[in-house]
């Protein structure tokens, strides 16, 4: 089977998780050459990478499918029940019978939670904030890890590979206090805001008891954690932002933040074509009820890791 015999139509990559919604691609199997002998039925496999769903054996679901010559069919994922309406990254792959990927499409499935988003976006867009350009965050593998320096866990990472390896970083201050940290992924304008989620957590949000947060590649943040003398005393209430290079031999650097309010919530801005163009960390206090909910979310995430290991960045 060759790629030229399969076609799919792109419409949107940004989808709100609701019962009855379907995501996927339409596959057409046609011959452009009347003399070319093709099988009447073309068999292939469908593989879907999705957030952790225990009833679907973890992070991956796969099944066999087929399409008849000169016809098309729709393959994908259906949110058929409320329990399946899980926000995160969904990557749908078409494979030949030898498990070679011949086509794929990645969807950003989000939850509509205006109570958690709208007030923060309004504050972030306020003209009263003072913006500072911090510099560029270098992510050689285009995968962003977010790490609580005091209580490290592997469940806060951004689930998808970023478009670029160099990310412009900005800080926003409200009355000299750090209010927002922005990672600008590209030059596109934000059209839609949603709370960030990944394959393990419905919210990339946490109370940070030690008030120190690191952002960078998994390898760079790990090295930074092992060498706290490089940055721990440099980042504080008076100087809450630092961009540093943990290893001189490595181009990757790390963004260290001091969260004076002791917590953060992550929002993602999407462009008109449904692609992420901005990641914003809102620095905030986490109330008691919210902390209890986040502990439950964290426990479920750790159980998922115990069951199926860490998900890969898609």
Protein backbone atom coordinates (compact mmCIF):
# COMPACT_ATOMS: atom_id res chain seq x y z
CA UNK A 1 0.00 0.00 0.00
CA UNK A 2 1.36 3.43 -0.89
CA UNK A 3 0.56 6.88 0.37
CA UNK A 4 -0.70 7.99 -3.06
CA UNK A 5 -3.59 5.54 -2.78
CA UNK A 6 -4.82 7.06 0.49
CA UNK A 7 -6.04 10.60 0.87
CA UNK A 8 -7.45 12.49 3.85
CA UNK A 9 -9.07 15.89 4.20
CA UNK A 10 -7.89 18.34 6.86
CA UNK A 11 -10.50 20.56 8.46
CA UNK A 12 -9.68 21.33 12.08
CA UNK A 13 -7.14 20.14 14.63
CA UNK A 14 -8.83 21.72 17.67
CA UNK A 15 -11.84 19.83 19.04
CA UNK A 16 -13.90 20.23 22.21
CA UNK A 17 -14.54 16.90 23.93
CA UNK A 18 -18.28 16.27 23.84
CA UNK A 19 -20.40 13.13 23.62
CA UNK A 20 -21.13 12.30 19.99
CA UNK A 21 -18.14 14.15 18.50
CA UNK A 22 -15.95 12.19 16.06
CA UNK A 23 -12.36 12.92 15.06
CA UNK A 24 -10.43 11.22 12.30
CA UNK A 25 -9.87 11.26 8.57
CA UNK A 26 -11.66 10.13 5.45
CA UNK A 27 -9.64 7.54 3.54
CA UNK A 28 -10.11 7.18 -0.19
CA UNK A 29 -8.79 4.23 -2.21
CA UNK A 30 -8.73 5.07 -5.91
CA UNK A 31 -6.72 4.16 -8.98
CA UNK A 32 -5.45 6.88 -11.30
CA UNK A 33 -4.31 4.32 -13.85
CA UNK A 34 -6.97 2.08 -15.42
CA UNK A 35 -4.31 -0.43 -16.43
CA UNK A 36 -2.89 -0.68 -12.93
CA UNK A 37 -4.07 -3.84 -11.19
CA UNK A 38 -5.01 -3.12 -7.59
CA UNK A 39 -6.60 -5.37 -4.97
CA UNK A 40 -10.37 -5.00 -4.78
CA UNK A 41 -10.12 -4.54 -1.01
CA UNK A 42 -7.26 -2.77 0.75
CA UNK A 43 -6.64 -3.83 4.35
CA UNK A 44 -4.90 -1.54 6.83
CA UNK A 45 -4.65 -0.86 10.55
CA UNK A 46 -5.82 2.11 12.58
CA UNK A 47 -3.83 3.10 15.67
CA UNK A 48 -4.93 5.86 18.02
CA UNK A 49 -2.63 7.38 20.63
CA UNK A 50 -4.82 8.98 23.29
CA UNK A 51 -4.80 10.09 26.95
CA UNK A 52 -4.73 7.34 29.51
CA UNK A 53 -8.04 5.44 29.46
CA UNK A 54 -8.01 2.38 31.66
CA UNK A 55 -10.88 0.68 29.80
CA UNK A 56 -8.88 1.03 26.57
CA UNK A 57 -5.70 -0.52 27.97
CA UNK A 58 -3.78 2.68 28.53
CA UNK A 59 -2.53 5.13 25.93
CA UNK A 60 -2.99 3.24 22.63
CA UNK A 61 -5.93 1.59 20.86
CA UNK A 62 -5.60 -0.31 17.57
CA UNK A 63 -7.90 -2.20 15.21
CA UNK A 64 -8.06 -3.56 11.66
CA UNK A 65 -9.95 -1.84 8.87
CA UNK A 66 -10.36 -1.97 5.09
CA UNK A 67 -11.55 0.09 2.15
CA UNK A 68 -12.92 -1.06 -1.21
CA UNK A 69 -11.38 0.12 -4.49
CA UNK A 70 -12.92 3.37 -5.79
CA UNK A 71 -14.63 4.04 -2.47
CA UNK A 72 -13.77 5.93 0.70
CA UNK A 73 -14.38 5.34 4.39
CA UNK A 74 -14.05 7.33 7.60
CA UNK A 75 -11.65 6.15 10.29
CA UNK A 76 -11.12 7.74 13.66
CA UNK A 77 -12.25 8.04 17.25
CA UNK A 78 -15.73 8.66 18.62
CA UNK A 79 -16.48 10.20 22.00
CA UNK A 80 -19.38 7.82 22.47
CA UNK A 81 -19.69 8.14 26.24
CA UNK A 82 -18.99 10.81 28.84
CA UNK A 83 -16.20 8.64 30.30
CA UNK A 84 -14.40 8.83 26.93
CA UNK A 85 -14.54 12.63 26.72
CA UNK A 86 -10.98 13.00 27.93
CA UNK A 87 -8.96 16.08 26.92
CA UNK A 88 -5.44 15.60 25.61
CA UNK A 89 -3.58 14.74 22.43
CA UNK A 90 -5.10 12.23 20.00
CA UNK A 91 -2.85 11.02 17.21
CA UNK A 92 -4.54 8.83 14.61
CA UNK A 93 -2.25 6.72 12.44
CA UNK A 94 -2.94 4.57 9.40
CA UNK A 95 -0.57 1.60 9.09
CA UNK A 96 -0.01 -1.02 6.44
CA UNK A 97 -0.03 -4.68 7.37
CA UNK A 98 3.71 -4.49 8.12
CA UNK A 99 3.07 -1.77 10.72
CA UNK A 100 4.57 1.03 8.63
CA UNK A 101 2.88 4.37 9.28
CA UNK A 102 1.56 5.71 5.97
CA UNK A 103 -0.43 8.68 7.25
CA UNK A 104 -1.22 10.36 10.55
CA UNK A 105 -3.19 13.26 11.94
CA UNK A 106 -2.92 14.83 15.39
CA UNK A 107 -5.84 16.47 17.20
CA UNK A 108 -5.82 18.77 20.22
CA UNK A 109 -8.88 17.73 22.21
CA UNK A 110 -9.80 20.29 24.85
CA UNK A 111 -12.31 20.83 27.65
CA UNK A 112 -14.45 23.94 27.67
CA UNK A 113 -14.03 25.32 31.19
CA UNK A 114 -14.67 29.10 31.07
CA UNK A 115 -14.66 29.44 34.87
CA UNK A 116 -11.03 28.34 34.93
CA UNK A 117 -9.92 30.33 31.89
CA UNK A 118 -11.82 33.54 31.14
CA UNK A 119 -10.85 35.63 34.18
CA UNK A 120 -7.17 34.71 33.78
CA UNK A 121 -7.18 35.57 30.07
CA UNK A 122 -8.78 38.93 30.85
CA UNK A 123 -6.10 39.63 33.43
CA UNK A 124 -3.32 38.44 31.10
CA UNK A 125 -4.55 40.80 28.36
CA UNK A 126 -4.77 43.77 30.72
CA UNK A 127 -2.83 46.85 29.70
CA UNK A 128 -1.86 47.38 33.34
CA UNK A 129 0.64 44.51 33.20
CA UNK A 130 4.29 45.26 32.50
CA UNK A 131 5.89 42.94 29.95
CA UNK A 132 9.55 41.89 29.96
CA UNK A 133 11.25 39.78 27.32
CA UNK A 134 13.30 37.10 29.06
CA UNK A 135 15.04 35.47 26.09
CA UNK A 136 14.79 32.18 24.19
CA UNK A 137 14.18 28.77 25.72
CA UNK A 138 16.08 26.13 23.74
CA UNK A 139 14.35 22.73 23.54
CA UNK A 140 16.39 20.48 21.27
CA UNK A 141 13.76 17.73 21.30
CA UNK A 142 10.83 20.18 21.09
CA UNK A 143 9.35 18.57 24.22
CA UNK A 144 8.55 20.80 27.21
CA UNK A 145 8.85 19.44 30.75
CA UNK A 146 7.38 21.42 33.67
CA UNK A 147 8.98 20.43 36.97
CA UNK A 148 8.21 21.21 40.60
CA UNK A 149 11.74 21.59 41.95
CA UNK A 150 10.85 20.43 45.48
CA UNK A 151 8.43 17.62 44.65
CA UNK A 152 9.38 16.34 41.21
CA UNK A 153 6.79 14.44 39.23
CA UNK A 154 6.52 13.44 35.55
CA UNK A 155 2.88 14.38 35.07
CA UNK A 156 3.03 18.10 34.22
CA UNK A 157 4.72 17.88 30.81
CA UNK A 158 3.19 19.29 27.64
CA UNK A 159 1.88 16.28 25.71
CA UNK A 160 2.70 17.32 22.14
CA UNK A 161 5.93 18.16 20.37
CA UNK A 162 6.25 21.88 19.85
CA UNK A 163 6.54 23.40 16.40
CA UNK A 164 9.95 25.00 17.03
CA UNK A 165 12.92 24.27 19.27
CA UNK A 166 13.53 27.96 20.11
CA UNK A 167 10.74 29.51 22.18
CA UNK A 168 10.49 33.20 23.02
CA UNK A 169 9.80 33.75 26.71
CA UNK A 170 8.05 36.77 28.25
CA UNK A 171 7.20 37.71 31.82
CA UNK A 172 4.27 39.88 32.90
CA UNK A 173 4.32 41.78 36.17
CA UNK A 174 1.45 43.23 38.16
CA UNK A 175 2.66 45.85 40.64
CA UNK A 176 6.19 44.37 40.46
CA UNK A 177 4.90 40.86 41.22
CA UNK A 178 5.24 38.10 38.62
CA UNK A 179 1.74 37.37 37.31
CA UNK A 180 2.24 35.41 34.07
CA UNK A 181 4.97 33.62 32.16
CA UNK A 182 4.43 33.28 28.42
CA UNK A 183 6.05 30.89 25.95
CA UNK A 184 5.34 32.18 22.47
CA UNK A 185 5.51 29.18 20.13
CA UNK A 186 5.12 31.05 16.82
CA UNK A 187 3.92 34.35 15.35
CA UNK A 188 0.26 33.34 14.95
CA UNK A 189 -2.44 35.27 16.80
CA UNK A 190 -4.41 33.53 19.53
CA UNK A 191 -8.06 32.98 18.63
CA UNK A 192 -9.05 30.46 21.31
CA UNK A 193 -7.97 29.87 24.91
CA UNK A 194 -8.29 26.58 26.80
CA UNK A 195 -6.91 25.11 29.99
CA UNK A 196 -3.91 22.90 29.26
CA UNK A 197 -4.17 19.14 29.73
CA UNK A 198 -2.00 16.17 28.79
CA UNK A 199 -2.20 12.38 28.57
CA UNK A 200 -2.23 12.05 32.37
CA UNK A 201 -3.87 15.19 33.78
CA UNK A 202 -7.03 17.09 32.91
CA UNK A 203 -5.31 20.20 34.30
CA UNK A 204 -1.63 21.13 34.07
CA UNK A 205 -1.88 22.97 37.35
CA UNK A 206 -0.22 22.53 40.72
CA UNK A 207 0.42 23.96 44.13
CA UNK A 208 4.20 24.36 44.39
CA UNK A 209 5.15 24.25 48.05
CA UNK A 210 8.79 25.14 47.43
CA UNK A 211 7.72 27.94 45.05
CA UNK A 212 10.37 26.93 42.49
CA UNK A 213 9.37 25.74 39.03
CA UNK A 214 11.63 24.63 36.16
CA UNK A 215 10.77 24.50 32.45
CA UNK A 216 12.92 22.89 29.77
CA UNK A 217 13.71 19.52 28.27
CA UNK A 218 13.50 16.48 30.55
CA UNK A 219 17.28 16.04 30.39
CA UNK A 220 18.10 19.71 31.09
CA UNK A 221 15.68 20.01 34.02
CA UNK A 222 17.02 16.79 35.52
CA UNK A 223 20.58 18.11 35.37
CA UNK A 224 19.39 21.38 36.92
CA UNK A 225 17.72 19.50 39.78
CA UNK A 226 20.96 17.64 40.42
CA UNK A 227 22.90 20.93 40.47
CA UNK A 228 20.71 23.33 42.43
CA UNK A 229 23.63 25.55 43.36
CA UNK A 230 23.51 26.94 39.80
CA UNK A 231 20.13 28.60 40.20
CA UNK A 232 18.34 27.98 43.50
CA UNK A 233 19.56 31.12 45.30
CA UNK A 234 19.48 33.25 42.16
CA UNK A 235 15.70 32.83 41.69
CA UNK A 236 13.76 34.48 44.50
CA UNK A 237 10.95 36.90 45.26
CA UNK A 238 12.91 39.94 44.14
CA UNK A 239 14.26 38.18 41.04
CA UNK A 240 11.57 35.60 40.11
CA UNK A 241 12.75 34.71 36.59
CA UNK A 242 16.03 33.23 35.40
CA UNK A 243 17.03 31.61 32.12
CA UNK A 244 20.23 29.60 32.51
CA UNK A 245 22.24 26.89 30.77
CA UNK A 246 22.82 23.89 33.09
CA UNK A 247 25.54 22.33 30.92
CA UNK A 248 27.99 24.36 28.85
CA UNK A 249 28.35 21.46 26.42
CA UNK A 250 24.59 21.39 25.77
CA UNK A 251 22.60 24.07 23.97
CA UNK A 252 19.43 23.39 25.99
CA UNK A 253 18.68 25.88 28.73
CA UNK A 254 16.16 26.00 31.58
CA UNK A 255 13.64 28.60 32.68
CA UNK A 256 13.49 28.86 36.49
CA UNK A 257 10.55 30.64 38.12
CA UNK A 258 9.87 31.70 41.70
CA UNK A 259 6.12 31.45 42.31
CA UNK A 260 5.47 33.88 45.12
CA UNK A 261 1.79 32.86 45.18
CA UNK A 262 2.75 29.19 45.48
CA UNK A 263 0.92 27.78 42.49
CA UNK A 264 0.23 27.97 38.76
CA UNK A 265 -2.32 27.08 36.10
CA UNK A 266 -1.38 26.49 32.46
CA UNK A 267 -3.39 27.84 29.55
CA UNK A 268 -2.85 27.21 25.84
CA UNK A 269 -3.73 29.69 23.10
CA UNK A 270 -4.66 28.27 19.71
CA UNK A 271 -4.55 29.96 16.32
CA UNK A 272 -7.44 30.11 13.83
CA UNK A 273 -6.27 26.84 12.23
CA UNK A 274 -6.34 25.05 15.60
CA UNK A 275 -2.61 24.89 16.27
CA UNK A 276 -1.02 25.87 19.61
CA UNK A 277 0.72 29.23 19.35
CA UNK A 278 1.13 30.27 22.99
CA UNK A 279 1.53 28.64 26.41
CA UNK A 280 0.84 30.81 29.44
CA UNK A 281 1.50 29.97 33.09
CA UNK A 282 -0.72 31.99 35.39
CA UNK A 283 0.88 32.39 38.80
CA UNK A 284 -1.83 32.08 41.43
CA UNK A 285 -2.82 30.86 44.85
CA UNK A 286 -4.48 27.46 44.90
CA UNK A 287 -7.40 27.27 47.34
CA UNK A 288 -8.00 24.35 49.69
CA UNK A 289 -10.81 22.74 47.70
CA UNK A 290 -8.84 23.07 44.49
CA UNK A 291 -5.77 21.54 46.15
CA UNK A 292 -7.81 18.50 47.18
CA UNK A 293 -9.02 18.06 43.60
CA UNK A 294 -5.50 18.40 42.22
CA UNK A 295 -4.24 15.78 44.67
CA UNK A 296 -6.85 13.37 43.33
CA UNK A 297 -5.82 14.19 39.75
CA UNK A 298 -2.15 13.62 40.65
CA UNK A 299 -2.92 10.28 42.32
CA UNK A 300 -4.82 9.06 39.24
CA UNK A 301 -1.87 10.15 37.07
CA UNK A 302 0.62 8.25 39.23
CA UNK A 303 -1.59 5.15 39.10
CA UNK A 304 -1.59 5.41 35.31
CA UNK A 305 2.21 5.56 35.27
CA UNK A 306 2.36 2.51 37.55
CA UNK A 307 0.01 0.70 35.18
CA UNK A 308 1.40 1.64 31.76
CA UNK A 309 4.48 3.79 32.30
CA UNK A 310 5.01 7.32 31.03
CA UNK A 311 3.31 8.40 27.80
CA UNK A 312 5.47 9.49 24.90
CA UNK A 313 5.40 13.06 23.57
CA UNK A 314 3.28 13.01 20.41
